[in-house]
Amino acid sequence: MTTVNDNNTLPPKTCSIERLVTMEADVKKVLAGEKTATRRNGRYADPGEIMTLEGRDFVVDRVYSQSLGELTDADARREGFETVEEYKQSILSYHPGMPWLPQMRVWVHEFSPVQK
């Protein structure tokens, strides 16, 4: 796993944090504490940035690159699924025709509720 947490070594963001978690089912999982990470093809946030969902704030704790082949069931649980296979089938249902290539790299964004 390639872990990069220093903002000076991260490439520029390719999208904004407002687009990080947008699907209703995923928003519900985040609000329920069942989803604490999301993977994207691009980098959507910097560590320390705040994501607001339905009036609740979540801080991005870590951002790092990972290949799909490195995913574990523990990673899938942070995504709100029980197993890598369940996560994989969900992703492929959102992106018909997309190949699932073990060497494909994604950006992992881990987040947690802001403590007030």
N, C-alpha and C. Protein backbone atom coordinates (compact mmCIF):
# COMPACT_ATOMS: atom_id res chain seq x y z
N MET A 1 0.85 -1.17 0.00
CA MET A 1 0.00 0.00 0.00
C MET A 1 0.89 1.23 0.00
N THR A 2 0.51 2.20 -0.80
CA THR A 2 1.21 3.47 -0.83
C THR A 2 0.43 4.45 0.01
N THR A 3 1.00 4.87 1.11
CA THR A 3 0.32 5.81 1.98
C THR A 3 0.99 7.16 1.87
N VAL A 4 0.20 8.16 1.54
CA VAL A 4 0.71 9.52 1.42
C VAL A 4 -0.22 10.42 2.22
N ASN A 5 0.29 11.05 3.26
CA ASN A 5 -0.54 11.94 4.06
C ASN A 5 -0.04 13.37 4.07
N ASP A 6 1.12 13.61 3.52
CA ASP A 6 1.70 14.94 3.50
C ASP A 6 1.14 15.70 2.30
N ASN A 7 0.40 16.78 2.55
CA ASN A 7 -0.22 17.53 1.45
C ASN A 7 0.79 17.97 0.40
N ASN A 8 2.06 18.17 0.79
CA ASN A 8 3.07 18.61 -0.15
C ASN A 8 3.42 17.53 -1.16
N THR A 9 3.14 16.27 -0.86
CA THR A 9 3.49 15.19 -1.78
C THR A 9 2.28 14.66 -2.54
N LEU A 10 1.10 15.13 -2.22
CA LEU A 10 -0.10 14.68 -2.93
C LEU A 10 -0.24 15.45 -4.24
N PRO A 11 -0.70 14.78 -5.28
CA PRO A 11 -0.95 15.50 -6.54
C PRO A 11 -2.15 16.43 -6.37
N PRO A 12 -2.35 17.33 -7.30
CA PRO A 12 -3.51 18.24 -7.20
C PRO A 12 -4.82 17.46 -7.16
N LYS A 13 -5.80 18.03 -6.49
CA LYS A 13 -7.12 17.41 -6.46
C LYS A 13 -7.71 17.44 -7.87
N THR A 14 -8.52 16.41 -8.17
CA THR A 14 -9.16 16.32 -9.47
C THR A 14 -10.64 16.66 -9.39
N CYS A 15 -11.16 16.82 -8.18
CA CYS A 15 -12.56 17.13 -7.97
C CYS A 15 -12.68 17.79 -6.60
N SER A 16 -13.88 18.22 -6.25
CA SER A 16 -14.07 18.89 -4.96
C SER A 16 -14.66 17.94 -3.93
N ILE A 17 -14.44 18.27 -2.67
CA ILE A 17 -14.91 17.42 -1.57
C ILE A 17 -16.43 17.26 -1.59
N GLU A 18 -17.15 18.22 -2.15
CA GLU A 18 -18.62 18.13 -2.22
C GLU A 18 -19.07 16.94 -3.05
N ARG A 19 -18.20 16.42 -3.91
CA ARG A 19 -18.54 15.28 -4.77
C ARG A 19 -18.05 13.96 -4.20
N LEU A 20 -17.44 13.98 -3.00
CA LEU A 20 -16.82 12.77 -2.45
C LEU A 20 -17.85 11.68 -2.14
N VAL A 21 -18.90 12.02 -1.43
CA VAL A 21 -19.97 11.06 -1.10
C VAL A 21 -21.28 11.71 -1.52
N THR A 22 -21.90 11.17 -2.57
CA THR A 22 -23.10 11.80 -3.12
C THR A 22 -24.29 10.86 -3.23
N MET A 23 -24.05 9.56 -3.37
CA MET A 23 -25.16 8.63 -3.53
C MET A 23 -25.92 8.50 -2.22
N GLU A 24 -27.24 8.53 -2.30
CA GLU A 24 -28.07 8.53 -1.09
C GLU A 24 -27.76 7.36 -0.15
N ALA A 25 -27.58 6.17 -0.71
CA ALA A 25 -27.29 5.00 0.13
C ALA A 25 -25.96 5.18 0.87
N ASP A 26 -24.97 5.78 0.19
CA ASP A 26 -23.68 6.01 0.83
C ASP A 26 -23.77 7.09 1.90
N VAL A 27 -24.53 8.15 1.62
CA VAL A 27 -24.72 9.21 2.62
C VAL A 27 -25.33 8.61 3.89
N LYS A 28 -26.34 7.75 3.72
CA LYS A 28 -26.99 7.13 4.88
C LYS A 28 -26.00 6.27 5.66
N LYS A 29 -25.13 5.55 4.96
CA LYS A 29 -24.12 4.72 5.63
C LYS A 29 -23.13 5.58 6.42
N VAL A 30 -22.73 6.71 5.84
CA VAL A 30 -21.81 7.61 6.55
C VAL A 30 -22.49 8.15 7.80
N LEU A 31 -23.71 8.63 7.67
CA LEU A 31 -24.44 9.21 8.80
C LEU A 31 -24.67 8.18 9.91
N ALA A 32 -24.82 6.90 9.52
CA ALA A 32 -25.05 5.82 10.49
C ALA A 32 -23.74 5.28 11.08
N GLY A 33 -22.60 5.79 10.59
CA GLY A 33 -21.31 5.31 11.07
C GLY A 33 -20.86 4.01 10.45
N GLU A 34 -21.54 3.58 9.38
CA GLU A 34 -21.22 2.31 8.72
C GLU A 34 -20.20 2.46 7.60
N LYS A 35 -19.94 3.69 7.18
CA LYS A 35 -19.00 3.97 6.09
C LYS A 35 -18.04 5.04 6.56
N THR A 36 -16.75 4.72 6.59
CA THR A 36 -15.75 5.67 7.07
C THR A 36 -14.65 5.90 6.03
N ALA A 37 -14.87 5.40 4.81
CA ALA A 37 -13.90 5.60 3.73
C ALA A 37 -14.63 5.53 2.40
N THR A 38 -14.06 6.18 1.41
CA THR A 38 -14.56 6.05 0.05
C THR A 38 -13.38 6.09 -0.91
N ARG A 39 -13.50 5.32 -1.98
CA ARG A 39 -12.46 5.24 -2.99
C ARG A 39 -12.96 5.90 -4.26
N ARG A 40 -12.06 6.66 -4.88
CA ARG A 40 -12.38 7.37 -6.12
C ARG A 40 -11.21 7.23 -7.08
N ASN A 41 -11.51 7.40 -8.37
CA ASN A 41 -10.44 7.37 -9.38
C ASN A 41 -9.54 8.59 -9.26
N GLY A 42 -10.06 9.66 -8.70
CA GLY A 42 -9.28 10.88 -8.53
C GLY A 42 -9.21 11.26 -7.06
N ARG A 43 -8.47 12.34 -6.81
CA ARG A 43 -8.32 12.83 -5.44
C ARG A 43 -9.31 13.96 -5.24
N TYR A 44 -10.23 13.79 -4.26
CA TYR A 44 -11.33 14.72 -4.05
C TYR A 44 -11.14 15.60 -2.83
N ALA A 45 -10.19 15.27 -1.96
CA ALA A 45 -10.05 16.03 -0.72
C ALA A 45 -8.62 15.96 -0.21
N ASP A 46 -8.29 16.93 0.62
CA ASP A 46 -7.02 16.95 1.34
C ASP A 46 -7.27 16.52 2.78
N PRO A 47 -6.28 15.91 3.43
CA PRO A 47 -6.42 15.64 4.86
C PRO A 47 -6.73 16.94 5.60
N GLY A 48 -7.69 16.85 6.52
CA GLY A 48 -8.09 18.03 7.28
C GLY A 48 -9.29 18.76 6.71
N GLU A 49 -9.65 18.48 5.46
CA GLU A 49 -10.82 19.12 4.86
C GLU A 49 -12.09 18.58 5.50
N ILE A 50 -13.13 19.40 5.49
CA ILE A 50 -14.41 19.04 6.10
C ILE A 50 -15.44 18.75 5.01
N MET A 51 -16.11 17.60 5.15
CA MET A 51 -17.22 17.21 4.29
C MET A 51 -18.49 17.35 5.12
N THR A 52 -19.50 18.02 4.58
CA THR A 52 -20.76 18.19 5.30
C THR A 52 -21.85 17.39 4.59
N LEU A 53 -22.49 16.50 5.35
CA LEU A 53 -23.60 15.69 4.83
C LEU A 53 -24.80 15.90 5.73
N GLU A 54 -25.89 16.42 5.15
CA GLU A 54 -27.12 16.64 5.90
C GLU A 54 -26.86 17.39 7.21
N GLY A 55 -26.01 18.41 7.15
CA GLY A 55 -25.74 19.26 8.31
C GLY A 55 -24.72 18.70 9.30
N ARG A 56 -24.19 17.51 9.03
CA ARG A 56 -23.18 16.92 9.92
C ARG A 56 -21.82 16.98 9.26
N ASP A 57 -20.81 17.33 10.04
CA ASP A 57 -19.46 17.50 9.50
C ASP A 57 -18.59 16.27 9.76
N PHE A 58 -17.78 15.95 8.75
CA PHE A 58 -16.83 14.84 8.81
C PHE A 58 -15.49 15.36 8.33
N VAL A 59 -14.44 15.03 9.05
CA VAL A 59 -13.09 15.48 8.67
C VAL A 59 -12.38 14.36 7.91
N VAL A 60 -11.68 14.74 6.86
CA VAL A 60 -10.88 13.77 6.11
C VAL A 60 -9.60 13.54 6.90
N ASP A 61 -9.41 12.31 7.35
CA ASP A 61 -8.26 11.95 8.18
C ASP A 61 -7.04 11.55 7.36
N ARG A 62 -7.26 10.78 6.32
CA ARG A 62 -6.15 10.27 5.51
C ARG A 62 -6.57 10.22 4.05
N VAL A 63 -5.60 10.43 3.17
CA VAL A 63 -5.79 10.28 1.73
C VAL A 63 -4.57 9.55 1.21
N TYR A 64 -4.79 8.43 0.52
CA TYR A 64 -3.67 7.65 0.00
C TYR A 64 -4.10 6.84 -1.20
N SER A 65 -3.12 6.40 -1.96
CA SER A 65 -3.35 5.60 -3.16
C SER A 65 -3.29 4.12 -2.81
N GLN A 66 -4.16 3.34 -3.47
CA GLN A 66 -4.20 1.89 -3.23
C GLN A 66 -4.63 1.22 -4.53
N SER A 67 -4.10 0.02 -4.78
CA SER A 67 -4.57 -0.72 -5.95
C SER A 67 -5.78 -1.56 -5.54
N LEU A 68 -6.65 -1.84 -6.50
CA LEU A 68 -7.83 -2.65 -6.20
C LEU A 68 -7.43 -4.03 -5.70
N GLY A 69 -6.30 -4.54 -6.17
CA GLY A 69 -5.83 -5.85 -5.74
C GLY A 69 -5.38 -5.88 -4.28
N GLU A 70 -5.13 -4.72 -3.69
CA GLU A 70 -4.71 -4.64 -2.29
C GLU A 70 -5.90 -4.60 -1.31
N LEU A 71 -7.12 -4.43 -1.84
CA LEU A 71 -8.28 -4.33 -0.96
C LEU A 71 -8.46 -5.57 -0.10
N THR A 72 -8.81 -5.35 1.15
CA THR A 72 -9.10 -6.44 2.09
C THR A 72 -10.56 -6.34 2.52
N ASP A 73 -11.06 -7.37 3.17
CA ASP A 73 -12.42 -7.30 3.71
C ASP A 73 -12.53 -6.17 4.73
N ALA A 74 -11.47 -5.88 5.47
CA ALA A 74 -11.49 -4.76 6.42
C ALA A 74 -11.68 -3.44 5.67
N ASP A 75 -11.02 -3.30 4.51
CA ASP A 75 -11.23 -2.10 3.68
C ASP A 75 -12.69 -2.02 3.22
N ALA A 76 -13.23 -3.16 2.80
CA ALA A 76 -14.62 -3.20 2.33
C ALA A 76 -15.57 -2.79 3.45
N ARG A 77 -15.29 -3.22 4.68
CA ARG A 77 -16.15 -2.84 5.81
C ARG A 77 -16.10 -1.33 6.05
N ARG A 78 -14.93 -0.71 5.85
CA ARG A 78 -14.86 0.76 5.99
C ARG A 78 -15.67 1.45 4.90
N GLU A 79 -15.88 0.75 3.79
CA GLU A 79 -16.71 1.26 2.70
C GLU A 79 -18.20 0.99 2.94
N GLY A 80 -18.51 0.20 3.97
CA GLY A 80 -19.90 -0.10 4.27
C GLY A 80 -20.38 -1.43 3.72
N PHE A 81 -19.45 -2.32 3.36
CA PHE A 81 -19.79 -3.64 2.83
C PHE A 81 -19.11 -4.70 3.68
N GLU A 82 -19.59 -5.93 3.60
CA GLU A 82 -19.02 -7.02 4.41
C GLU A 82 -17.74 -7.59 3.82
N THR A 83 -17.69 -7.67 2.49
CA THR A 83 -16.55 -8.33 1.84
C THR A 83 -16.09 -7.52 0.63
N VAL A 84 -14.88 -7.80 0.16
CA VAL A 84 -14.38 -7.16 -1.06
C VAL A 84 -15.30 -7.50 -2.22
N GLU A 85 -15.76 -8.74 -2.31
CA GLU A 85 -16.63 -9.15 -3.42
C GLU A 85 -17.93 -8.34 -3.42
N GLU A 86 -18.52 -8.12 -2.26
CA GLU A 86 -19.76 -7.33 -2.16
C GLU A 86 -19.48 -5.89 -2.62
N TYR A 87 -18.36 -5.33 -2.17
CA TYR A 87 -17.98 -3.97 -2.59
C TYR A 87 -17.76 -3.92 -4.10
N LYS A 88 -17.03 -4.90 -4.62
CA LYS A 88 -16.74 -4.96 -6.05
C LYS A 88 -18.03 -5.00 -6.87
N GLN A 89 -18.97 -5.86 -6.49
CA GLN A 89 -20.22 -5.97 -7.25
C GLN A 89 -21.01 -4.66 -7.20
N SER A 90 -20.98 -3.97 -6.06
CA SER A 90 -21.66 -2.69 -5.95
C SER A 90 -21.03 -1.66 -6.90
N ILE A 91 -19.71 -1.56 -6.90
CA ILE A 91 -19.01 -0.61 -7.77
C ILE A 91 -19.30 -0.92 -9.23
N LEU A 92 -19.21 -2.19 -9.60
CA LEU A 92 -19.45 -2.56 -11.00
C LEU A 92 -20.90 -2.31 -11.41
N SER A 93 -21.84 -2.36 -10.48
CA SER A 93 -23.24 -2.07 -10.82
C SER A 93 -23.42 -0.57 -11.10
N TYR A 94 -22.59 0.28 -10.47
CA TYR A 94 -22.66 1.73 -10.72
C TYR A 94 -21.98 2.10 -12.03
N HIS A 95 -21.01 1.30 -12.45
CA HIS A 95 -20.20 1.61 -13.63
C HIS A 95 -20.22 0.43 -14.60
N PRO A 96 -21.34 0.22 -15.29
CA PRO A 96 -21.44 -0.91 -16.22
C PRO A 96 -20.31 -0.88 -17.25
N GLY A 97 -19.71 -2.03 -17.48
CA GLY A 97 -18.66 -2.13 -18.48
C GLY A 97 -17.27 -1.81 -17.94
N MET A 98 -17.19 -1.28 -16.71
CA MET A 98 -15.90 -0.96 -16.13
C MET A 98 -15.20 -2.26 -15.73
N PRO A 99 -13.94 -2.41 -16.12
CA PRO A 99 -13.22 -3.60 -15.68
C PRO A 99 -12.76 -3.45 -14.23
N TRP A 100 -12.66 -4.54 -13.53
CA TRP A 100 -12.10 -4.56 -12.18
C TRP A 100 -10.69 -5.12 -12.32
N LEU A 101 -9.72 -4.26 -12.38
CA LEU A 101 -8.34 -4.66 -12.62
C LEU A 101 -7.54 -4.55 -11.33
N PRO A 102 -6.95 -5.65 -10.85
CA PRO A 102 -6.21 -5.61 -9.60
C PRO A 102 -5.14 -4.52 -9.55
N GLN A 103 -4.55 -4.19 -10.70
CA GLN A 103 -3.49 -3.19 -10.71
C GLN A 103 -4.02 -1.75 -10.77
N MET A 104 -5.34 -1.59 -11.00
CA MET A 104 -5.91 -0.24 -11.08
C MET A 104 -5.76 0.46 -9.73
N ARG A 105 -5.29 1.70 -9.77
CA ARG A 105 -5.08 2.44 -8.53
C ARG A 105 -6.23 3.41 -8.31
N VAL A 106 -6.62 3.54 -7.05
CA VAL A 106 -7.67 4.47 -6.66
C VAL A 106 -7.16 5.31 -5.49
N TRP A 107 -7.85 6.40 -5.22
CA TRP A 107 -7.52 7.24 -4.07
C TRP A 107 -8.49 6.92 -2.94
N VAL A 108 -7.94 6.58 -1.80
CA VAL A 108 -8.73 6.27 -0.61
C VAL A 108 -8.83 7.54 0.22
N HIS A 109 -10.06 7.88 0.61
CA HIS A 109 -10.32 9.03 1.47
C HIS A 109 -10.96 8.46 2.74
N GLU A 110 -10.26 8.53 3.86
CA GLU A 110 -10.80 8.07 5.15
C GLU A 110 -11.26 9.29 5.94
N PHE A 111 -12.41 9.16 6.59
CA PHE A 111 -12.98 10.31 7.30
C PHE A 111 -13.64 9.87 8.60
N SER A 112 -13.89 10.83 9.46
CA SER A 112 -14.54 10.55 10.74
C SER A 112 -15.38 11.76 11.14
N PRO A 113 -16.38 11.55 12.01
CA PRO A 113 -17.21 12.68 12.44
C PRO A 113 -16.37 13.73 13.17
N VAL A 114 -16.70 14.99 12.92
CA VAL A 114 -16.04 16.07 13.66
C VAL A 114 -16.61 16.05 15.07
N GLN A 115 -15.73 16.02 16.04
CA GLN A 115 -16.14 16.03 17.45
C GLN A 115 -16.36 17.47 17.89
N LYS A 116 -17.55 17.77 18.37
CA LYS A 116 -17.88 19.14 18.79
C LYS A 116 -17.85 19.27 20.28
